[in-house]
């Protein structure tokens, strides 16, 4: 989402904040993927949409 904001706005401050958010989220994603790997869990559920993750 922050990448979309960064691409659509011209205000340098907004673009900088959006970039910082995207970079932080990328780091967090890497940490989560490493944990899943270490725990021997799949990195995907096979669900085709996010909403399917919450279906019984």
C-alpha atoms as a PDB file:
ATOM      1  CA  UNK A   1       0.000   0.000   0.000  1.00  0.00           C
ATOM      2  CA  UNK A   2       2.768   2.441   0.847  1.00  0.00           C
ATOM      3  CA  UNK A   3       4.380   1.869  -2.559  1.00  0.00           C
ATOM      4  CA  UNK A   4       1.125   2.946  -4.221  1.00  0.00           C
ATOM      5  CA  UNK A   5       1.077   6.118  -2.124  1.00  0.00           C
ATOM      6  CA  UNK A   6       4.713   6.808  -2.974  1.00  0.00           C
ATOM      7  CA  UNK A   7       4.002   6.451  -6.688  1.00  0.00           C
ATOM      8  CA  UNK A   8       0.892   8.659  -6.642  1.00  0.00           C
ATOM      9  CA  UNK A   9       2.096  11.608  -4.549  1.00  0.00           C
ATOM     10  CA  UNK A  10       4.636  14.258  -5.465  1.00  0.00           C
ATOM     11  CA  UNK A  11       5.128  15.701  -1.960  1.00  0.00           C
ATOM     12  CA  UNK A  12       8.698  14.713  -0.994  1.00  0.00           C
ATOM     13  CA  UNK A  13       7.811  14.254   2.678  1.00  0.00           C
ATOM     14  CA  UNK A  14       4.917  11.899   1.889  1.00  0.00           C
ATOM     15  CA  UNK A  15       7.098   9.972  -0.552  1.00  0.00           C
ATOM     16  CA  UNK A  16       9.874   9.622   2.030  1.00  0.00           C
ATOM     17  CA  UNK A  17       7.501   8.381   4.724  1.00  0.00           C
ATOM     18  CA  UNK A  18       5.903   5.911   2.300  1.00  0.00           C
ATOM     19  CA  UNK A  19       9.333   4.595   1.313  1.00  0.00           C
ATOM     20  CA  UNK A  20      10.348   4.193   4.966  1.00  0.00           C
ATOM     21  CA  UNK A  21       7.152   2.246   5.675  1.00  0.00           C
ATOM     22  CA  UNK A  22       7.703  -0.038   2.682  1.00  0.00           C
ATOM     23  CA  UNK A  23      11.308  -0.684   3.699  1.00  0.00           C
ATOM     24  CA  UNK A  24      10.311  -1.516   7.289  1.00  0.00           C
ATOM     25  CA  UNK A  25       7.577  -3.857   6.079  1.00  0.00           C
ATOM     26  CA  UNK A  26       9.996  -5.583   3.729  1.00  0.00           C
ATOM     27  CA  UNK A  27      12.354  -6.207   6.659  1.00  0.00           C
ATOM     28  CA  UNK A  28       9.486  -7.567   8.770  1.00  0.00           C
ATOM     29  CA  UNK A  29       8.401  -9.852   5.937  1.00  0.00           C
ATOM     30  CA  UNK A  30      11.919 -11.244   5.750  1.00  0.00           C
ATOM     31  CA  UNK A  31      11.913 -11.944   9.475  1.00  0.00           C
ATOM     32  CA  UNK A  32       8.564 -13.747   9.269  1.00  0.00           C
ATOM     33  CA  UNK A  33       9.657 -15.833   6.291  1.00  0.00           C
ATOM     34  CA  UNK A  34      12.843 -16.814   8.139  1.00  0.00           C
ATOM     35  CA  UNK A  35      10.823 -17.901  11.170  1.00  0.00           C
ATOM     36  CA  UNK A  36       8.512 -19.984   9.008  1.00  0.00           C
ATOM     37  CA  UNK A  37      11.525 -21.616   7.380  1.00  0.00           C
ATOM     38  CA  UNK A  38      13.166 -22.309  10.750  1.00  0.00           C
ATOM     39  CA  UNK A  39       9.937 -23.833  12.079  1.00  0.00           C
ATOM     40  CA  UNK A  40       9.530 -25.971   8.968  1.00  0.00           C
ATOM     41  CA  UNK A  41       6.243 -24.298   8.028  1.00  0.00           C
ATOM     42  CA  UNK A  42       5.106 -23.364   4.520  1.00  0.00           C
ATOM     43  CA  UNK A  43       5.380 -19.755   3.427  1.00  0.00           C
ATOM     44  CA  UNK A  44       1.973 -19.982   1.770  1.00  0.00           C
ATOM     45  CA  UNK A  45      -1.366 -21.472   2.714  1.00  0.00           C
ATOM     46  CA  UNK A  46      -2.401 -22.216  -0.831  1.00  0.00           C
ATOM     47  CA  UNK A  47      -5.395 -19.889  -0.387  1.00  0.00           C
ATOM     48  CA  UNK A  48      -6.112 -17.828  -3.481  1.00  0.00           C
ATOM     49  CA  UNK A  49      -7.220 -14.737  -1.530  1.00  0.00           C
ATOM     50  CA  UNK A  50      -6.574 -13.252   1.896  1.00  0.00           C
ATOM     51  CA  UNK A  51     -10.210 -13.733   2.885  1.00  0.00           C
ATOM     52  CA  UNK A  52      -9.902 -17.491   2.437  1.00  0.00           C
ATOM     53  CA  UNK A  53      -7.392 -17.557   5.281  1.00  0.00           C
ATOM     54  CA  UNK A  54     -10.211 -16.820   7.715  1.00  0.00           C
ATOM     55  CA  UNK A  55     -12.770 -19.313   6.409  1.00  0.00           C
ATOM     56  CA  UNK A  56     -13.423 -22.444   8.500  1.00  0.00           C
END
